[in-house]
N, C-alpha and C. Protein backbone atom coordinates (compact mmCIF):
# COMPACT_ATOMS: atom_id res chain seq x y z
N MET A 1 36.78 19.99 -0.03
CA MET A 1 35.56 19.70 0.15
C MET A 1 34.47 20.70 -0.02
N SER A 2 33.33 20.48 -0.65
CA SER A 2 32.75 21.39 -1.38
C SER A 2 31.64 21.73 -0.38
N LYS A 3 31.26 22.75 -0.42
CA LYS A 3 30.03 23.88 0.25
C LYS A 3 28.75 23.10 -0.05
N PRO A 4 27.82 22.62 1.18
CA PRO A 4 26.54 22.37 1.25
C PRO A 4 26.03 23.25 0.24
N THR A 5 25.08 22.78 -0.58
CA THR A 5 24.29 23.45 -1.44
C THR A 5 22.74 23.69 -0.84
N LYS A 6 22.58 25.25 -0.78
CA LYS A 6 21.30 25.01 -0.28
C LYS A 6 20.12 25.58 -1.56
N TYR A 7 18.58 25.21 -0.87
CA TYR A 7 17.78 25.74 -2.16
C TYR A 7 16.89 26.33 -1.37
N ASN A 8 16.33 27.40 -2.40
CA ASN A 8 15.12 28.10 -2.07
C ASN A 8 13.62 27.50 -2.08
N SER A 9 13.08 27.12 -1.59
CA SER A 9 11.34 26.40 -1.36
C SER A 9 10.86 26.67 -2.87
N ASP A 10 10.95 28.30 -2.49
CA ASP A 10 9.56 29.13 -2.72
C ASP A 10 9.70 29.25 -4.11
N ARG A 11 10.82 28.80 -4.87
CA ARG A 11 10.80 29.59 -5.86
C ARG A 11 11.56 28.66 -6.55
N ALA A 12 11.42 27.43 -7.05
CA ALA A 12 12.62 26.48 -7.45
C ALA A 12 13.93 26.99 -8.17
N GLU A 13 14.76 28.19 -7.32
CA GLU A 13 16.17 28.11 -7.61
C GLU A 13 17.27 27.17 -6.50
N LYS A 14 18.31 26.95 -7.09
CA LYS A 14 19.50 26.78 -6.30
C LYS A 14 20.48 27.58 -5.91
N ILE A 15 20.86 27.79 -5.02
CA ILE A 15 21.68 28.98 -4.36
C ILE A 15 22.94 28.26 -4.29
N VAL A 16 23.88 29.38 -5.11
CA VAL A 16 25.33 28.45 -5.08
C VAL A 16 26.17 29.57 -4.79
N PRO A 17 26.92 29.42 -3.56
CA PRO A 17 27.34 29.86 -2.32
C PRO A 17 28.72 30.63 -3.76
N ASN A 18 29.21 31.82 -3.72
CA ASN A 18 30.28 31.92 -4.42
C ASN A 18 31.58 32.19 -3.02
N THR A 19 32.65 31.62 -3.74
CA THR A 19 33.87 31.23 -3.02
C THR A 19 34.46 32.58 -2.48
N LYS A 20 33.93 33.53 -3.40
CA LYS A 20 35.25 34.97 -3.10
C LYS A 20 33.92 36.06 -2.32
N LYS A 21 33.24 35.24 -1.39
CA LYS A 21 31.93 35.88 -0.58
C LYS A 21 31.33 37.20 -0.99
N GLN A 22 31.25 36.86 -2.06
CA GLN A 22 30.47 38.28 -3.10
C GLN A 22 29.12 37.69 -2.77
N GLU A 23 27.74 38.36 -3.67
CA GLU A 23 26.85 37.87 -3.99
C GLU A 23 26.37 36.39 -4.18
N ARG A 24 25.43 36.20 -3.79
CA ARG A 24 25.23 34.53 -4.05
C ARG A 24 24.54 34.35 -5.42
N LYS A 25 25.30 33.39 -6.48
CA LYS A 25 24.44 33.78 -7.70
C LYS A 25 23.62 32.57 -7.70
N THR A 26 22.30 32.48 -8.63
CA THR A 26 20.97 31.46 -8.52
C THR A 26 21.33 31.00 -9.71
N GLN A 27 20.82 29.11 -9.65
CA GLN A 27 20.83 28.75 -11.19
C GLN A 27 19.32 28.34 -11.24
N THR A 28 18.54 28.81 -12.18
CA THR A 28 17.02 28.43 -12.00
C THR A 28 16.95 26.99 -12.66
N SER A 29 16.65 26.38 -11.67
CA SER A 29 16.23 24.65 -12.57
C SER A 29 14.79 24.19 -12.59
N LYS A 30 14.56 23.65 -13.84
CA LYS A 30 13.11 22.63 -14.20
C LYS A 30 12.76 21.70 -13.09
N PRO A 31 11.99 21.84 -12.82
CA PRO A 31 11.09 20.64 -11.46
C PRO A 31 11.36 19.62 -12.56
N THR A 32 11.43 18.37 -12.22
CA THR A 32 11.72 17.18 -12.83
C THR A 32 10.63 16.29 -12.86
N LYS A 33 9.65 15.75 -13.51
CA LYS A 33 8.93 14.57 -13.52
C LYS A 33 8.94 13.49 -12.26
N ILE A 34 8.65 13.12 -11.90
CA ILE A 34 8.90 12.00 -10.82
C ILE A 34 7.59 10.81 -10.72
N ALA A 35 7.67 9.63 -11.00
CA ALA A 35 6.61 8.47 -10.74
C ALA A 35 6.33 8.31 -9.37
N ALA A 36 5.29 8.49 -8.68
CA ALA A 36 4.77 8.47 -7.62
C ALA A 36 3.27 8.28 -7.43
N LEU A 37 3.28 7.17 -6.53
CA LEU A 37 1.63 6.61 -6.10
C LEU A 37 0.69 8.40 -5.89
N LYS A 38 -0.48 8.06 -6.93
CA LYS A 38 -1.14 9.22 -6.49
C LYS A 38 -1.99 9.35 -5.41
N LYS A 39 -2.42 10.62 -5.06
CA LYS A 39 -2.96 11.04 -3.83
C LYS A 39 -2.37 10.23 -2.50
N THR A 40 -1.10 10.68 -2.51
CA THR A 40 -0.24 10.50 -0.73
C THR A 40 -0.37 11.32 -0.07
N VAL A 41 -0.54 12.45 -0.87
CA VAL A 41 -0.73 13.80 0.29
C VAL A 41 -1.87 14.89 0.24
N SER A 42 -2.41 14.86 1.43
CA SER A 42 -3.88 15.76 1.20
C SER A 42 -3.61 16.93 1.82
N LYS A 43 -4.57 17.68 0.35
CA LYS A 43 -4.22 18.87 0.61
C LYS A 43 -4.98 19.84 1.70
N ARG A 44 -5.61 19.06 2.00
CA ARG A 44 -6.41 19.44 3.39
C ARG A 44 -5.43 19.60 4.63
N GLN A 45 -5.90 20.88 5.48
CA GLN A 45 -5.25 20.80 6.47
C GLN A 45 -5.88 20.37 7.76
N ARG A 46 -5.08 19.37 8.77
CA ARG A 46 -5.65 18.86 9.84
C ARG A 46 -5.75 19.49 10.96
N GLN A 47 -6.50 19.04 11.66
CA GLN A 47 -6.44 20.10 13.12
C GLN A 47 -5.86 19.59 14.04
N PRO A 48 -4.75 20.58 14.47
CA PRO A 48 -3.67 19.64 15.48
C PRO A 48 -4.85 19.48 16.65
N GLU A 49 -4.38 18.53 17.25
CA GLU A 49 -4.68 17.61 18.42
C GLU A 49 -3.88 16.95 19.35
N LEU A 50 -3.94 17.31 20.68
CA LEU A 50 -3.58 16.39 21.65
C LEU A 50 -3.68 14.75 21.36
N GLN A 51 -3.34 13.74 21.24
CA GLN A 51 -3.59 12.17 21.15
C GLN A 51 -2.48 11.43 22.07
N TYR A 52 -2.92 10.61 23.21
CA TYR A 52 -2.60 9.85 23.94
C TYR A 52 -3.14 8.66 23.38
N LEU A 53 -2.17 7.56 22.86
CA LEU A 53 -2.59 6.18 22.64
C LEU A 53 -1.84 4.98 22.90
N ALA A 54 -2.61 3.83 22.90
CA ALA A 54 -1.61 2.44 23.49
C ALA A 54 -2.11 1.55 21.97
N TRP A 55 -1.13 1.08 21.33
CA TRP A 55 -0.97 0.37 19.88
C TRP A 55 -2.29 -0.73 19.95
N ASN A 56 -2.60 -1.38 21.26
CA ASN A 56 -3.41 -2.40 21.72
C ASN A 56 -5.23 -2.03 21.58
N ASP A 57 -5.23 -0.60 21.40
CA ASP A 57 -6.23 0.32 21.25
C ASP A 57 -6.38 0.83 19.81
N VAL A 58 -5.80 0.63 18.83
CA VAL A 58 -5.29 1.09 17.71
C VAL A 58 -6.21 0.08 16.51
N GLU A 59 -6.93 0.54 15.92
CA GLU A 59 -7.43 -0.81 14.95
C GLU A 59 -6.40 -1.28 14.22
N ARG A 60 -6.77 -2.89 13.90
CA ARG A 60 -5.81 -3.45 13.65
C ARG A 60 -5.99 -3.71 11.50
N GLU A 61 -5.67 -3.23 10.81
CA GLU A 61 -6.27 -3.65 9.47
C GLU A 61 -5.74 -4.33 8.76
N GLU A 62 -6.54 -5.72 8.37
CA GLU A 62 -5.54 -6.72 7.52
C GLU A 62 -5.68 -6.43 6.13
N MET A 63 -4.27 -6.44 5.64
CA MET A 63 -4.37 -6.16 4.67
C MET A 63 -4.36 -7.06 3.24
N ASN A 64 -3.84 -8.23 3.77
CA ASN A 64 -3.84 -9.53 3.01
C ASN A 64 -3.17 -10.51 4.01
N PRO A 65 -3.79 -11.52 3.88
CA PRO A 65 -3.25 -12.72 4.78
C PRO A 65 -1.49 -12.35 5.57
N LEU A 66 -0.66 -11.69 4.93
CA LEU A 66 0.29 -11.80 5.24
C LEU A 66 0.79 -10.41 5.51
N LEU A 67 0.09 -9.50 5.73
CA LEU A 67 0.12 -7.96 6.28
C LEU A 67 -1.03 -7.33 6.85
N TYR A 68 -0.17 -6.57 8.08
CA TYR A 68 -1.61 -6.09 8.80
C TYR A 68 -0.85 -4.66 9.57
N ARG A 69 -1.68 -3.98 9.61
CA ARG A 69 -1.06 -2.47 9.86
C ARG A 69 -2.19 -1.84 10.97
N GLN A 70 -1.53 -0.44 11.46
CA GLN A 70 -2.35 0.24 12.63
C GLN A 70 -1.55 1.68 12.02
N LEU A 71 -2.48 2.24 12.01
CA LEU A 71 -2.16 4.18 11.90
C LEU A 71 -2.51 4.77 13.04
N ILE A 72 -1.42 5.89 13.19
CA ILE A 72 -1.86 6.60 14.16
C ILE A 72 -1.32 8.02 13.36
N VAL A 73 -2.35 8.59 13.01
CA VAL A 73 -2.26 10.15 12.15
C VAL A 73 -1.95 11.42 13.01
N GLY A 74 -1.17 12.30 13.05
CA GLY A 74 -1.08 13.70 13.28
C GLY A 74 -1.03 14.49 12.30
N GLN A 75 -0.79 15.59 12.43
CA GLN A 75 -1.19 16.98 11.59
C GLN A 75 0.09 16.85 10.37
N GLU A 76 1.12 16.39 11.09
CA GLU A 76 2.34 16.44 9.82
C GLU A 76 3.16 15.21 9.67
N VAL A 77 2.48 14.51 10.71
CA VAL A 77 3.55 13.03 10.68
C VAL A 77 2.48 12.03 10.98
N MET A 78 3.01 10.47 10.23
CA MET A 78 1.81 9.47 10.72
C MET A 78 3.13 8.58 10.92
N LEU A 79 2.41 7.39 12.05
CA LEU A 79 3.12 6.59 12.77
C LEU A 79 2.38 5.14 11.80
N ALA A 80 2.95 4.16 11.32
CA ALA A 80 2.13 3.22 11.06
C ALA A 80 3.14 1.95 12.06
N ARG A 81 2.28 0.72 12.35
CA ARG A 81 2.79 -0.14 12.94
C ARG A 81 2.68 -1.15 11.97
N ILE A 82 3.81 -1.79 11.50
CA ILE A 82 3.33 -3.04 10.73
C ILE A 82 3.89 -4.12 10.87
N LEU A 83 3.14 -5.20 11.02
CA LEU A 83 3.26 -6.90 11.05
C LEU A 83 3.16 -7.49 9.72
N LEU A 84 4.26 -8.24 9.41
CA LEU A 84 4.53 -8.68 8.17
C LEU A 84 5.11 -10.30 8.81
N LYS A 85 4.32 -11.26 7.91
CA LYS A 85 4.66 -12.66 8.05
C LYS A 85 5.74 -12.89 6.94
N LYS A 86 6.34 -13.98 7.41
CA LYS A 86 7.78 -14.60 6.84
C LYS A 86 7.23 -14.24 5.37
N GLY A 87 7.73 -13.74 4.15
CA GLY A 87 7.38 -14.11 2.62
C GLY A 87 6.52 -12.97 1.85
N CYS A 88 5.94 -12.56 2.92
CA CYS A 88 5.19 -11.13 2.52
C CYS A 88 5.92 -10.20 1.73
N ILE A 89 5.49 -9.76 0.46
CA ILE A 89 6.04 -8.83 0.18
C ILE A 89 5.37 -7.74 -0.19
N VAL A 90 6.08 -6.41 0.06
CA VAL A 90 5.03 -4.95 -0.46
C VAL A 90 6.00 -4.71 -2.08
N PRO A 91 5.30 -4.87 -2.85
CA PRO A 91 5.50 -4.22 -4.23
C PRO A 91 6.30 -3.15 -4.77
N TRP A 92 7.07 -3.12 -5.64
CA TRP A 92 7.65 -1.78 -6.12
C TRP A 92 6.89 -0.31 -5.88
N HIS A 93 7.03 0.32 -5.44
CA HIS A 93 6.28 1.89 -5.54
C HIS A 93 7.13 2.74 -4.67
N SER A 94 6.69 3.93 -5.09
CA SER A 94 6.96 5.39 -4.76
C SER A 94 5.88 6.24 -4.18
N HIS A 95 6.25 7.21 -3.66
CA HIS A 95 5.50 8.27 -3.17
C HIS A 95 6.59 9.46 -2.65
N VAL A 96 5.35 10.81 -2.77
CA VAL A 96 6.12 11.96 -2.41
C VAL A 96 6.71 12.01 -0.90
N ASN A 97 5.98 11.44 -0.01
CA ASN A 97 6.39 11.12 1.54
C ASN A 97 7.95 10.60 1.74
N GLU A 98 8.01 11.20 2.53
CA GLU A 98 9.61 10.97 3.17
C GLU A 98 9.14 9.58 4.17
N GLN A 99 10.25 8.57 4.34
CA GLN A 99 9.50 7.39 4.97
C GLN A 99 10.64 6.95 6.10
N LEU A 100 10.62 6.69 7.44
CA LEU A 100 11.52 6.39 7.79
C LEU A 100 10.89 4.42 8.71
N SER A 101 12.05 3.62 8.26
CA SER A 101 11.33 2.47 8.46
C SER A 101 12.12 2.09 9.62
N SER A 102 11.63 1.58 10.83
CA SER A 102 12.18 1.08 11.92
C SER A 102 12.08 -0.33 12.44
N ILE A 103 12.90 -1.28 12.26
CA ILE A 103 12.54 -2.72 12.84
C ILE A 103 12.43 -3.08 14.03
N PHE A 104 11.68 -3.25 14.57
CA PHE A 104 11.34 -3.75 16.30
C PHE A 104 12.04 -5.24 16.62
N GLU A 105 11.25 -5.97 15.28
CA GLU A 105 11.45 -7.47 15.33
C GLU A 105 11.41 -8.18 14.10
N GLY A 106 12.10 -8.91 13.67
CA GLY A 106 12.45 -10.10 12.28
C GLY A 106 13.15 -9.23 11.50
N ALA A 107 13.10 -8.86 10.38
CA ALA A 107 14.09 -8.57 9.23
C ALA A 107 13.61 -8.45 7.85
N LEU A 108 13.25 -6.91 7.24
CA LEU A 108 13.12 -6.92 5.75
C LEU A 108 14.12 -6.60 4.85
N LYS A 109 13.99 -7.04 3.54
CA LYS A 109 15.05 -7.18 2.68
C LYS A 109 14.40 -5.86 1.94
N PHE A 110 15.12 -4.77 1.45
CA PHE A 110 14.33 -3.63 0.59
C PHE A 110 15.45 -3.69 -0.50
N TRP A 111 14.78 -3.62 -1.81
CA TRP A 111 15.42 -3.23 -3.01
C TRP A 111 15.26 -1.65 -2.75
N ILE A 112 16.33 -1.05 -3.46
CA ILE A 112 16.12 0.15 -3.42
C ILE A 112 17.34 0.99 -4.22
N ASP A 113 16.97 1.96 -4.87
CA ASP A 113 18.35 3.10 -5.53
C ASP A 113 19.92 1.66 -5.85
N GLY A 114 18.94 0.99 -6.50
CA GLY A 114 19.99 -0.35 -7.03
C GLY A 114 20.69 -1.12 -5.75
N LYS A 115 19.92 -1.24 -4.98
CA LYS A 115 20.70 -1.65 -3.71
C LYS A 115 20.29 -2.86 -3.23
N GLU A 116 20.23 -3.78 -2.89
CA GLU A 116 19.31 -5.04 -1.60
C GLU A 116 19.97 -4.74 -0.44
N ILE A 117 19.01 -4.22 0.35
CA ILE A 117 19.54 -3.75 2.03
C ILE A 117 18.71 -4.70 3.20
N VAL A 118 19.43 -5.66 3.95
CA VAL A 118 18.50 -6.09 4.78
C VAL A 118 18.38 -5.28 6.07
N VAL A 119 17.44 -5.18 6.75
CA VAL A 119 17.08 -4.34 7.93
C VAL A 119 16.66 -4.99 8.77
N ARG A 120 17.54 -5.04 9.72
CA ARG A 120 17.01 -5.96 10.84
C ARG A 120 16.98 -5.26 12.70
N SER A 121 16.36 -6.19 13.30
CA SER A 121 15.79 -5.39 14.98
C SER A 121 17.10 -4.52 14.93
N GLY A 122 16.55 -3.15 15.55
CA GLY A 122 17.11 -2.44 15.85
C GLY A 122 17.96 -1.18 14.75
N GLU A 123 17.43 -1.76 13.78
CA GLU A 123 17.97 -0.62 12.49
C GLU A 123 16.62 -0.02 11.75
N VAL A 124 17.39 1.14 11.34
CA VAL A 124 16.43 2.01 10.59
C VAL A 124 16.63 2.50 9.14
N LEU A 125 15.87 2.40 8.06
CA LEU A 125 16.65 2.87 6.67
C LEU A 125 15.32 4.16 6.43
N VAL A 126 16.44 5.39 6.10
CA VAL A 126 15.41 6.37 5.53
C VAL A 126 15.55 6.57 4.45
N ILE A 127 14.18 6.41 4.16
CA ILE A 127 13.83 6.66 2.51
C ILE A 127 13.46 8.11 1.95
N PRO A 128 14.27 8.63 1.26
CA PRO A 128 13.54 9.85 1.12
C PRO A 128 12.39 10.02 -0.12
N PRO A 129 11.64 10.88 -0.36
CA PRO A 129 10.98 11.13 -1.30
C PRO A 129 11.12 10.55 -2.66
N ASN A 130 9.91 10.10 -3.15
CA ASN A 130 9.73 9.74 -4.62
C ASN A 130 11.00 8.41 -5.22
N MET A 131 11.41 7.68 -3.89
CA MET A 131 12.17 6.68 -4.17
C MET A 131 12.11 5.33 -4.53
N PRO A 132 11.83 4.83 -5.43
CA PRO A 132 11.13 3.45 -5.82
C PRO A 132 11.64 2.43 -4.77
N HIS A 133 10.83 1.71 -4.55
CA HIS A 133 11.28 0.89 -3.63
C HIS A 133 10.32 -0.70 -3.29
N LYS A 134 10.72 -1.32 -3.02
CA LYS A 134 10.38 -2.96 -2.82
C LYS A 134 10.37 -3.52 -1.33
N ALA A 135 9.75 -4.29 -0.82
CA ALA A 135 10.64 -4.60 0.20
C ALA A 135 9.78 -6.50 0.66
N GLU A 136 10.53 -7.57 1.53
CA GLU A 136 10.19 -8.76 1.44
C GLU A 136 10.31 -8.85 3.17
N ALA A 137 9.49 -9.65 3.65
CA ALA A 137 9.78 -10.04 5.32
C ALA A 137 10.73 -11.37 5.02
N VAL A 138 11.82 -11.01 5.58
CA VAL A 138 12.75 -12.24 5.33
C VAL A 138 12.30 -13.23 6.52
N GLU A 139 11.63 -12.75 7.76
CA GLU A 139 11.02 -13.46 9.18
C GLU A 139 10.27 -12.58 9.47
N ASP A 140 9.20 -13.18 10.11
CA ASP A 140 8.07 -12.51 10.88
C ASP A 140 8.37 -11.22 11.44
N THR A 141 8.04 -10.37 11.16
CA THR A 141 8.36 -8.72 11.48
C THR A 141 7.46 -7.76 12.27
N LEU A 142 7.99 -7.18 12.83
CA LEU A 142 6.94 -5.74 13.03
C LEU A 142 8.20 -4.18 13.21
N ALA A 143 7.12 -3.97 12.61
CA ALA A 143 7.86 -2.16 12.12
C ALA A 143 7.19 -1.10 12.26
N ILE A 144 8.01 0.12 12.56
CA ILE A 144 7.14 0.96 12.75
C ILE A 144 7.76 2.11 11.16
N ASP A 145 6.55 2.41 10.58
CA ASP A 145 6.93 3.37 9.66
C ASP A 145 6.76 4.83 9.88
N THR A 146 7.41 5.55 9.61
CA THR A 146 7.04 7.16 10.07
C THR A 146 7.03 7.50 8.40
N PHE A 147 5.94 8.87 8.20
CA PHE A 147 5.85 9.13 7.18
C PHE A 147 5.68 10.54 7.75
N HIS A 148 5.95 11.36 6.55
CA HIS A 148 5.99 12.98 6.26
C HIS A 148 5.86 13.66 5.12
N PRO A 149 4.82 13.86 4.41
CA PRO A 149 3.66 14.10 5.40
C PRO A 149 3.04 12.78 5.53
N PRO A 150 1.64 13.01 6.33
CA PRO A 150 1.09 11.59 6.36
C PRO A 150 0.60 10.85 4.65
N ARG A 151 0.19 9.75 5.03
CA ARG A 151 0.03 9.20 3.41
C ARG A 151 -1.59 8.94 3.36
N GLU A 152 -1.96 9.95 2.29
CA GLU A 152 -3.29 10.05 2.65
C GLU A 152 -4.12 8.87 1.79
N ASP A 153 -3.48 7.75 0.62
CA ASP A 153 -4.05 6.99 0.43
C ASP A 153 -4.05 5.74 1.83
N TRP A 154 -3.13 5.73 2.53
CA TRP A 154 -3.28 4.71 3.36
C TRP A 154 -4.62 5.38 4.08
N ILE A 155 -4.65 6.63 5.00
CA ILE A 155 -5.61 7.04 5.43
C ILE A 155 -7.04 6.63 4.84
N ASN A 156 -6.96 7.09 3.71
CA ASN A 156 -8.32 6.79 2.70
C ASN A 156 -8.69 5.37 2.57
N LYS A 157 -8.06 4.53 2.75
CA LYS A 157 -7.89 2.60 2.09
C LYS A 157 -7.69 3.04 0.83
N THR A 158 -7.03 3.65 -0.23
CA THR A 158 -6.77 3.45 -1.79
C THR A 158 -5.85 3.10 -2.23
N ASP A 159 -4.99 2.19 -1.08
CA ASP A 159 -3.51 1.75 -1.32
C ASP A 159 -3.80 0.22 -2.18
N SER A 160 -4.45 0.21 -3.33
CA SER A 160 -4.41 -0.92 -3.70
C SER A 160 -3.59 -2.23 -3.73
N TYR A 161 -2.41 -1.43 -3.85
CA TYR A 161 -0.93 -2.12 -4.34
C TYR A 161 -0.68 -2.90 -2.96
N LEU A 162 -1.06 -2.62 -2.17
CA LEU A 162 -1.10 -3.25 -0.69
C LEU A 162 -1.80 -4.56 -0.67
N ARG A 163 -3.01 -4.41 -1.16
CA ARG A 163 -4.46 -5.27 -1.12
C ARG A 163 -4.67 -6.42 -2.04
N LYS A 164 -3.24 -6.74 -2.23
CA LYS A 164 -3.12 -8.12 -3.08
C LYS A 164 -2.91 -9.47 -2.38
């Protein structure tokens, strides 16, 4: 069984533990180019604030006739309550934000990492940053998507790929 690999985020280097428990070796790696939607992360720091909200009081935005969403944005994380009608397609995209998609009602079919995965009520799909994916509502669906950091393109309404 191999030992876990650690990364030093301050200096793009991979820390490789030495099996003889001597000093750790480091291997510097070049950053790879990854295609992602532009402006999905804000450079501005949000002021932390306590929020106590009911979904019924949060603005419901119609993206297209088959897709609606509501956003609650914190300092470091964002919740999106997504309502998709059967047949709604979320086109191929990727973003630098980590995403957790939790299905509360219905089912979403994802095309991701060379696989087709149907996520149903009571299930969660964890999508790493920069992983291209597409989804289709196979039933009327209610989902909560969690993003870290918050999706700046959603907050600023510059997410034209969803507004078709």
